[in-house]
Amino acid sequence: MTKKEVIIIFCIVLSIVLLLITALVGFLVGIPTDIYSEKKHIQRITKRAEERFLGEDSEYTGLEVYPIYNEYDELRYALIEFEPKGFVYVYISEKGYFFRSMYSLSSTESESWMPYRVKEGAQEDVYDADGKVLYQSENREHFRDENGQAIVYSESPFKVAGIENERRYLLSTKPTVPLGTERGRIPAVKRGEQYLDLVDGAMIDYTPGMESEYAVIDIAFINKSYFDL
């Protein structure tokens, strides 16, 4: 065996050892998500979303992925907007493991939401086209169409509001008015020193960790592998 062949074999063995060490570290300790840039996260989420949601029998013709930041300006979420309509949120964990993805879906199917104003004492029923009660709300005054029906959107608050080049946020808050959730998230964009709450269109003053009477949306990220992306 020549010296050159020995060096080649050594390099191959070293590469395999390093790969195994990296895999073991990832399995036991986890891979921090901040090793990826925003662009890389979006690429990874897009690839996985296309594999999961697009196909021959899919109701969607395409999708676009957008970064969403938390109240500390950290990249912690993403938004998948489907074509022709539909959306889901993605939670980006602080670490990813070989046995668990660093990306979790808010739902395995497209979501919907209803715009409303917070109004203490309000009690409203939301009906479907057949007159059956779909949803009973408390302290929410729903926006309604010309027929008096509560408006339900199948596109995200960001798309409905026409948000394009602004940074998207999901701001966490604890409602001081019972809204059916202990903690909610406010889809928002920043305007000067304030934020525009996209649920009701109001300008709000927000600080991280605050309790508020602001309109929120209910987003849950379930810690089960089926919701991994």
C-alpha atoms as a PDB file:
ATOM      1  CA  MET A   1       0.000   0.000   0.000  1.00  0.00           C
ATOM      2  CA  THR A   2       1.411   3.363  -1.008  1.00  0.00           C
ATOM      3  CA  LYS A   3       1.675   6.375   1.242  1.00  0.00           C
ATOM      4  CA  LYS A   4      -0.971   8.149  -0.817  1.00  0.00           C
ATOM      5  CA  GLU A   5      -3.415   5.270  -0.357  1.00  0.00           C
ATOM      6  CA  VAL A   6      -2.792   5.264   3.406  1.00  0.00           C
ATOM      7  CA  ILE A   7      -3.581   8.995   3.574  1.00  0.00           C
ATOM      8  CA  ILE A   8      -6.792   8.526   1.586  1.00  0.00           C
ATOM      9  CA  ILE A   9      -7.950   5.680   3.847  1.00  0.00           C
ATOM     10  CA  PHE A  10      -7.088   7.727   6.935  1.00  0.00           C
ATOM     11  CA  CYS A  11      -9.139  10.682   5.654  1.00  0.00           C
ATOM     12  CA  ILE A  12     -12.114   8.425   4.949  1.00  0.00           C
ATOM     13  CA  VAL A  13     -11.969   6.836   8.405  1.00  0.00           C
ATOM     14  CA  LEU A  14     -11.591  10.249  10.057  1.00  0.00           C
ATOM     15  CA  SER A  15     -14.614  11.568   8.162  1.00  0.00           C
ATOM     16  CA  ILE A  16     -16.717   8.609   9.282  1.00  0.00           C
ATOM     17  CA  VAL A  17     -15.621   9.040  12.914  1.00  0.00           C
ATOM     18  CA  LEU A  18     -16.450  12.756  12.851  1.00  0.00           C
ATOM     19  CA  LEU A  19     -19.831  12.017  11.298  1.00  0.00           C
ATOM     20  CA  LEU A  20     -20.606   9.463  14.010  1.00  0.00           C
ATOM     21  CA  ILE A  21     -19.535  11.885  16.753  1.00  0.00           C
ATOM     22  CA  THR A  22     -21.722  14.621  15.280  1.00  0.00           C
ATOM     23  CA  ALA A  23     -24.674  12.213  15.112  1.00  0.00           C
ATOM     24  CA  LEU A  24     -24.157  11.135  18.728  1.00  0.00           C
ATOM     25  CA  VAL A  25     -23.947  14.728  19.942  1.00  0.00           C
ATOM     26  CA  GLY A  26     -27.104  15.592  18.012  1.00  0.00           C
ATOM     27  CA  PHE A  27     -28.910  12.580  19.461  1.00  0.00           C
ATOM     28  CA  LEU A  28     -27.966  13.287  23.079  1.00  0.00           C
ATOM     29  CA  VAL A  29     -27.537  17.057  23.321  1.00  0.00           C
ATOM     30  CA  GLY A  30     -29.474  18.411  20.356  1.00  0.00           C
ATOM     31  CA  ILE A  31     -28.546  20.778  17.565  1.00  0.00           C
ATOM     32  CA  PRO A  32     -29.135  24.481  18.360  1.00  0.00           C
ATOM     33  CA  THR A  33     -31.328  26.152  15.765  1.00  0.00           C
ATOM     34  CA  ASP A  34     -29.206  29.289  15.670  1.00  0.00           C
ATOM     35  CA  ILE A  35     -26.568  27.443  13.652  1.00  0.00           C
ATOM     36  CA  TYR A  36     -28.877  28.096  10.700  1.00  0.00           C
ATOM     37  CA  SER A  37     -29.470  31.514   9.192  1.00  0.00           C
ATOM     38  CA  GLU A  38     -32.988  32.825   8.596  1.00  0.00           C
ATOM     39  CA  LYS A  39     -32.599  32.032   4.906  1.00  0.00           C
ATOM     40  CA  LYS A  40     -31.541  28.456   5.681  1.00  0.00           C
ATOM     41  CA  HIS A  41     -34.471  27.915   8.074  1.00  0.00           C
ATOM     42  CA  ILE A  42     -36.897  29.094   5.407  1.00  0.00           C
ATOM     43  CA  GLN A  43     -35.292  26.783   2.856  1.00  0.00           C
ATOM     44  CA  ARG A  44     -35.490  23.801   5.229  1.00  0.00           C
ATOM     45  CA  ILE A  45     -39.113  24.491   6.174  1.00  0.00           C
ATOM     46  CA  THR A  46     -40.097  25.058   2.535  1.00  0.00           C
ATOM     47  CA  LYS A  47     -38.576  21.746   1.449  1.00  0.00           C
ATOM     48  CA  ARG A  48     -40.297  19.816   4.229  1.00  0.00           C
ATOM     49  CA  ALA A  49     -43.628  21.578   3.676  1.00  0.00           C
ATOM     50  CA  GLU A  50     -43.560  20.828  -0.043  1.00  0.00           C
ATOM     51  CA  GLU A  51     -42.867  17.155   0.671  1.00  0.00           C
ATOM     52  CA  ARG A  52     -45.697  16.957   3.204  1.00  0.00           C
ATOM     53  CA  PHE A  53     -48.430  19.095   1.664  1.00  0.00           C
ATOM     54  CA  LEU A  54     -47.870  19.156  -2.092  1.00  0.00           C
ATOM     55  CA  GLY A  55     -48.443  16.176  -4.316  1.00  0.00           C
ATOM     56  CA  GLU A  56     -50.668  14.740  -7.010  1.00  0.00           C
ATOM     57  CA  ASP A  57     -53.765  14.595  -4.791  1.00  0.00           C
ATOM     58  CA  SER A  58     -53.079  17.837  -2.896  1.00  0.00           C
ATOM     59  CA  GLU A  59     -55.696  20.567  -2.727  1.00  0.00           C
ATOM     60  CA  TYR A  60     -52.831  23.087  -2.837  1.00  0.00           C
ATOM     61  CA  THR A  61     -51.063  24.248  -5.978  1.00  0.00           C
ATOM     62  CA  GLY A  62     -48.113  25.832  -4.188  1.00  0.00           C
ATOM     63  CA  LEU A  63     -46.884  27.416  -0.984  1.00  0.00           C
ATOM     64  CA  GLU A  64     -44.711  30.221   0.358  1.00  0.00           C
ATOM     65  CA  VAL A  65     -42.910  30.327   3.716  1.00  0.00           C
ATOM     66  CA  TYR A  66     -42.329  33.526   5.726  1.00  0.00           C
ATOM     67  CA  PRO A  67     -40.298  34.103   8.910  1.00  0.00           C
ATOM     68  CA  ILE A  68     -42.117  35.284  12.035  1.00  0.00           C
ATOM     69  CA  TYR A  69     -40.426  36.781  15.091  1.00  0.00           C
ATOM     70  CA  ASN A  70     -41.394  36.762  18.756  1.00  0.00           C
ATOM     71  CA  GLU A  71     -41.557  39.738  21.109  1.00  0.00           C
ATOM     72  CA  TYR A  72     -37.776  39.606  21.608  1.00  0.00           C
ATOM     73  CA  ASP A  73     -37.091  39.857  17.879  1.00  0.00           C
ATOM     74  CA  GLU A  74     -36.015  36.212  17.805  1.00  0.00           C
ATOM     75  CA  LEU A  75     -36.865  33.997  14.861  1.00  0.00           C
ATOM     76  CA  ARG A  76     -39.165  31.544  16.595  1.00  0.00           C
ATOM     77  CA  TYR A  77     -41.967  30.904  14.100  1.00  0.00           C
ATOM     78  CA  ALA A  78     -42.692  30.587  10.408  1.00  0.00           C
ATOM     79  CA  LEU A  79     -45.844  30.930   8.359  1.00  0.00           C
ATOM     80  CA  ILE A  80     -46.775  28.594   5.517  1.00  0.00           C
ATOM     81  CA  GLU A  81     -49.178  30.276   3.094  1.00  0.00           C
ATOM     82  CA  PHE A  82     -50.811  27.844   0.691  1.00  0.00           C
ATOM     83  CA  GLU A  83     -52.114  28.513  -2.801  1.00  0.00           C
ATOM     84  CA  PRO A  84     -54.890  29.047  -3.699  1.00  0.00           C
ATOM     85  CA  LYS A  85     -55.738  29.497  -0.005  1.00  0.00           C
ATOM     86  CA  GLY A  86     -54.927  28.174   3.449  1.00  0.00           C
ATOM     87  CA  PHE A  87     -52.158  28.525   6.030  1.00  0.00           C
ATOM     88  CA  VAL A  88     -50.480  26.932   9.042  1.00  0.00           C
ATOM     89  CA  TYR A  89     -47.913  28.173  11.543  1.00  0.00           C
ATOM     90  CA  VAL A  90     -44.603  26.535  12.388  1.00  0.00           C
ATOM     91  CA  TYR A  91     -42.834  26.705  15.738  1.00  0.00           C
ATOM     92  CA  ILE A  92     -39.041  26.697  15.603  1.00  0.00           C
ATOM     93  CA  SER A  93     -37.642  25.021  18.724  1.00  0.00           C
ATOM     94  CA  GLU A  94     -34.411  26.125  20.356  1.00  0.00           C
ATOM     95  CA  LYS A  95     -32.924  22.727  19.551  1.00  0.00           C
ATOM     96  CA  GLY A  96     -33.505  19.910  17.135  1.00  0.00           C
ATOM     97  CA  TYR A  97     -32.769  16.234  17.744  1.00  0.00           C
ATOM     98  CA  PHE A  98     -32.248  13.282  15.465  1.00  0.00           C
ATOM     99  CA  PHE A  99     -35.410  11.724  16.904  1.00  0.00           C
ATOM    100  CA  ARG A 100     -37.439  14.986  16.935  1.00  0.00           C
ATOM    101  CA  SER A 101     -37.615  17.778  14.415  1.00  0.00           C
ATOM    102  CA  MET A 102     -36.867  21.373  15.388  1.00  0.00           C
ATOM    103  CA  TYR A 103     -40.025  22.364  13.484  1.00  0.00           C
ATOM    104  CA  SER A 104     -43.567  21.778  14.798  1.00  0.00           C
ATOM    105  CA  LEU A 105     -46.842  22.503  12.993  1.00  0.00           C
ATOM    106  CA  SER A 106     -49.766  24.289  14.628  1.00  0.00           C
ATOM    107  CA  SER A 107     -52.055  21.967  12.670  1.00  0.00           C
ATOM    108  CA  THR A 108     -51.790  19.160  10.156  1.00  0.00           C
ATOM    109  CA  GLU A 109     -54.494  20.857   8.070  1.00  0.00           C
ATOM    110  CA  SER A 110     -55.097  24.431   6.961  1.00  0.00           C
ATOM    111  CA  GLU A 111     -56.303  26.763   9.714  1.00  0.00           C
ATOM    112  CA  SER A 112     -58.878  29.555   9.865  1.00  0.00           C
ATOM    113  CA  TRP A 113     -59.539  32.543  12.133  1.00  0.00           C
ATOM    114  CA  MET A 114     -62.167  35.175  12.895  1.00  0.00           C
ATOM    115  CA  PRO A 115     -61.482  38.895  13.363  1.00  0.00           C
ATOM    116  CA  TYR A 116     -63.040  40.441  16.474  1.00  0.00           C
ATOM    117  CA  ARG A 117     -62.839  43.231  19.041  1.00  0.00           C
ATOM    118  CA  VAL A 118     -62.504  42.564  22.740  1.00  0.00           C
ATOM    119  CA  LYS A 119     -65.744  43.681  24.395  1.00  0.00           C
ATOM    120  CA  GLU A 120     -66.369  42.756  28.008  1.00  0.00           C
ATOM    121  CA  GLY A 121     -69.734  41.150  28.582  1.00  0.00           C
ATOM    122  CA  ALA A 122     -70.309  40.233  24.951  1.00  0.00           C
ATOM    123  CA  GLN A 123     -71.574  36.726  24.235  1.00  0.00           C
ATOM    124  CA  GLU A 124     -71.969  35.620  20.646  1.00  0.00           C
ATOM    125  CA  ASP A 125     -72.786  32.425  18.810  1.00  0.00           C
ATOM    126  CA  VAL A 126     -71.249  31.733  15.422  1.00  0.00           C
ATOM    127  CA  TYR A 127     -73.424  29.659  13.075  1.00  0.00           C
ATOM    128  CA  ASP A 128     -72.668  27.674   9.943  1.00  0.00           C
ATOM    129  CA  ALA A 129     -74.645  27.863   6.704  1.00  0.00           C
ATOM    130  CA  ASP A 130     -77.177  25.355   8.088  1.00  0.00           C
ATOM    131  CA  GLY A 131     -77.821  27.398  11.215  1.00  0.00           C
ATOM    132  CA  LYS A 132     -75.870  25.145  13.560  1.00  0.00           C
ATOM    133  CA  VAL A 133     -73.754  26.683  16.298  1.00  0.00           C
ATOM    134  CA  LEU A 134     -70.075  26.352  15.385  1.00  0.00           C
ATOM    135  CA  TYR A 135     -68.560  28.467  18.101  1.00  0.00           C
ATOM    136  CA  GLN A 136     -69.648  30.210  21.288  1.00  0.00           C
ATOM    137  CA  SER A 137     -67.534  33.183  22.260  1.00  0.00           C
ATOM    138  CA  GLU A 138     -67.221  35.327  25.358  1.00  0.00           C
ATOM    139  CA  ASN A 139     -66.045  38.930  25.474  1.00  0.00           C
ATOM    140  CA  ARG A 140     -65.558  38.921  21.698  1.00  0.00           C
ATOM    141  CA  GLU A 141     -67.472  41.130  19.282  1.00  0.00           C
ATOM    142  CA  HIS A 142     -67.001  39.468  15.903  1.00  0.00           C
ATOM    143  CA  PHE A 143     -66.673  41.344  12.654  1.00  0.00           C
ATOM    144  CA  ARG A 144     -69.625  40.496  10.407  1.00  0.00           C
ATOM    145  CA  ASP A 145     -70.436  40.709   6.720  1.00  0.00           C
ATOM    146  CA  GLU A 146     -73.401  42.454   5.066  1.00  0.00           C
ATOM    147  CA  ASN A 147     -75.569  39.432   5.851  1.00  0.00           C
ATOM    148  CA  GLY A 148     -74.749  39.549   9.542  1.00  0.00           C
ATOM    149  CA  GLN A 149     -72.578  36.420   9.424  1.00  0.00           C
ATOM    150  CA  ALA A 150     -69.349  36.319  11.430  1.00  0.00           C
ATOM    151  CA  ILE A 151     -66.400  36.633   9.063  1.00  0.00           C
ATOM    152  CA  VAL A 152     -64.139  33.592   8.865  1.00  0.00           C
ATOM    153  CA  TYR A 153     -60.833  33.831   6.993  1.00  0.00           C
ATOM    154  CA  SER A 154     -58.977  30.880   5.508  1.00  0.00           C
ATOM    155  CA  GLU A 155     -55.933  33.064   4.841  1.00  0.00           C
ATOM    156  CA  SER A 156     -53.567  34.251   7.553  1.00  0.00           C
ATOM    157  CA  PRO A 157     -54.014  37.621   9.296  1.00  0.00           C
ATOM    158  CA  PHE A 158     -50.839  38.780   7.542  1.00  0.00           C
ATOM    159  CA  LYS A 159     -52.146  37.958   4.067  1.00  0.00           C
ATOM    160  CA  VAL A 160     -55.586  39.397   4.803  1.00  0.00           C
ATOM    161  CA  ALA A 161     -53.937  42.659   5.923  1.00  0.00           C
ATOM    162  CA  GLY A 162     -51.782  42.747   2.786  1.00  0.00           C
ATOM    163  CA  ILE A 163     -48.482  42.528   4.699  1.00  0.00           C
ATOM    164  CA  GLU A 164     -45.580  42.034   2.297  1.00  0.00           C
ATOM    165  CA  ASN A 165     -42.174  43.453   3.215  1.00  0.00           C
ATOM    166  CA  GLU A 166     -42.702  44.220   6.919  1.00  0.00           C
ATOM    167  CA  ARG A 167     -41.342  41.978   9.662  1.00  0.00           C
ATOM    168  CA  ARG A 168     -44.044  39.644  10.937  1.00  0.00           C
ATOM    169  CA  TYR A 169     -44.518  39.068  14.683  1.00  0.00           C
ATOM    170  CA  LEU A 170     -46.406  36.752  17.022  1.00  0.00           C
ATOM    171  CA  LEU A 171     -46.477  38.536  20.389  1.00  0.00           C
ATOM    172  CA  SER A 172     -47.289  36.465  23.462  1.00  0.00           C
ATOM    173  CA  THR A 173     -49.621  37.899  26.091  1.00  0.00           C
ATOM    174  CA  LYS A 174     -51.863  36.784  28.941  1.00  0.00           C
ATOM    175  CA  PRO A 175     -55.409  38.109  28.441  1.00  0.00           C
ATOM    176  CA  THR A 176     -56.858  40.001  31.398  1.00  0.00           C
ATOM    177  CA  VAL A 177     -60.314  39.476  29.902  1.00  0.00           C
ATOM    178  CA  PRO A 178     -61.527  35.852  29.577  1.00  0.00           C
ATOM    179  CA  LEU A 179     -61.198  34.952  25.898  1.00  0.00           C
ATOM    180  CA  GLY A 180     -61.157  31.178  26.190  1.00  0.00           C
ATOM    181  CA  THR A 181     -57.381  30.929  26.358  1.00  0.00           C
ATOM    182  CA  GLU A 182     -54.890  31.419  29.189  1.00  0.00           C
ATOM    183  CA  ARG A 183     -52.233  32.734  26.849  1.00  0.00           C
ATOM    184  CA  GLY A 184     -52.687  34.088  23.378  1.00  0.00           C
ATOM    185  CA  ARG A 185     -50.538  35.367  20.545  1.00  0.00           C
ATOM    186  CA  ILE A 186     -51.020  38.604  18.686  1.00  0.00           C
ATOM    187  CA  PRO A 187     -50.234  38.549  14.957  1.00  0.00           C
ATOM    188  CA  ALA A 188     -48.703  41.951  14.414  1.00  0.00           C
ATOM    189  CA  VAL A 189     -46.372  44.252  12.532  1.00  0.00           C
ATOM    190  CA  LYS A 190     -44.446  47.125  14.059  1.00  0.00           C
ATOM    191  CA  ARG A 191     -45.416  50.702  13.267  1.00  0.00           C
ATOM    192  CA  GLY A 192     -43.078  53.173  14.945  1.00  0.00           C
ATOM    193  CA  GLU A 193     -43.051  52.465  18.676  1.00  0.00           C
ATOM    194  CA  GLN A 194     -46.365  50.587  18.502  1.00  0.00           C
ATOM    195  CA  TYR A 195     -47.670  47.418  16.912  1.00  0.00           C
ATOM    196  CA  LEU A 196     -50.627  46.904  14.610  1.00  0.00           C
ATOM    197  CA  ASP A 197     -52.785  44.081  16.007  1.00  0.00           C
ATOM    198  CA  LEU A 198     -53.987  42.261  12.907  1.00  0.00           C
ATOM    199  CA  VAL A 199     -56.901  40.581  14.705  1.00  0.00           C
ATOM    200  CA  ASP A 200     -58.873  43.793  15.159  1.00  0.00           C
ATOM    201  CA  GLY A 201     -56.752  46.366  13.303  1.00  0.00           C
ATOM    202  CA  ALA A 202     -55.954  48.393  16.440  1.00  0.00           C
ATOM    203  CA  MET A 203     -52.636  50.078  17.240  1.00  0.00           C
ATOM    204  CA  ILE A 204     -51.354  48.735  20.560  1.00  0.00           C
ATOM    205  CA  ASP A 205     -48.614  49.469  23.084  1.00  0.00           C
ATOM    206  CA  TYR A 206     -46.847  46.231  23.854  1.00  0.00           C
ATOM    207  CA  THR A 207     -43.982  45.141  26.100  1.00  0.00           C
ATOM    208  CA  PRO A 208     -42.718  41.546  26.473  1.00  0.00           C
ATOM    209  CA  GLY A 209     -44.386  39.570  29.263  1.00  0.00           C
ATOM    210  CA  MET A 210     -47.303  41.943  29.652  1.00  0.00           C
ATOM    211  CA  GLU A 211     -50.903  41.091  30.445  1.00  0.00           C
ATOM    212  CA  SER A 212     -53.387  42.834  28.192  1.00  0.00           C
ATOM    213  CA  GLU A 213     -56.928  43.244  26.894  1.00  0.00           C
ATOM    214  CA  TYR A 214     -55.754  42.965  23.316  1.00  0.00           C
ATOM    215  CA  ALA A 215     -57.352  40.739  20.687  1.00  0.00           C
ATOM    216  CA  VAL A 216     -55.385  37.498  20.293  1.00  0.00           C
ATOM    217  CA  ILE A 217     -55.523  34.329  18.240  1.00  0.00           C
ATOM    218  CA  ASP A 218     -55.424  30.828  19.664  1.00  0.00           C
ATOM    219  CA  ILE A 219     -52.384  28.937  18.385  1.00  0.00           C
ATOM    220  CA  ALA A 220     -51.312  25.659  19.932  1.00  0.00           C
ATOM    221  CA  PHE A 221     -48.152  23.739  19.133  1.00  0.00           C
ATOM    222  CA  ILE A 222     -48.603  20.144  20.254  1.00  0.00           C
ATOM    223  CA  ASN A 223     -45.546  18.257  21.413  1.00  0.00           C
ATOM    224  CA  LYS A 224     -46.221  15.093  19.430  1.00  0.00           C
ATOM    225  CA  SER A 225     -44.175  13.654  16.596  1.00  0.00           C
ATOM    226  CA  TYR A 226     -47.164  13.658  14.238  1.00  0.00           C
ATOM    227  CA  PHE A 227     -46.980  17.467  14.211  1.00  0.00           C
ATOM    228  CA  ASP A 228     -43.274  17.478  13.385  1.00  0.00           C
ATOM    229  CA  LEU A 229     -42.348  18.995  10.064  1.00  0.00           C
END
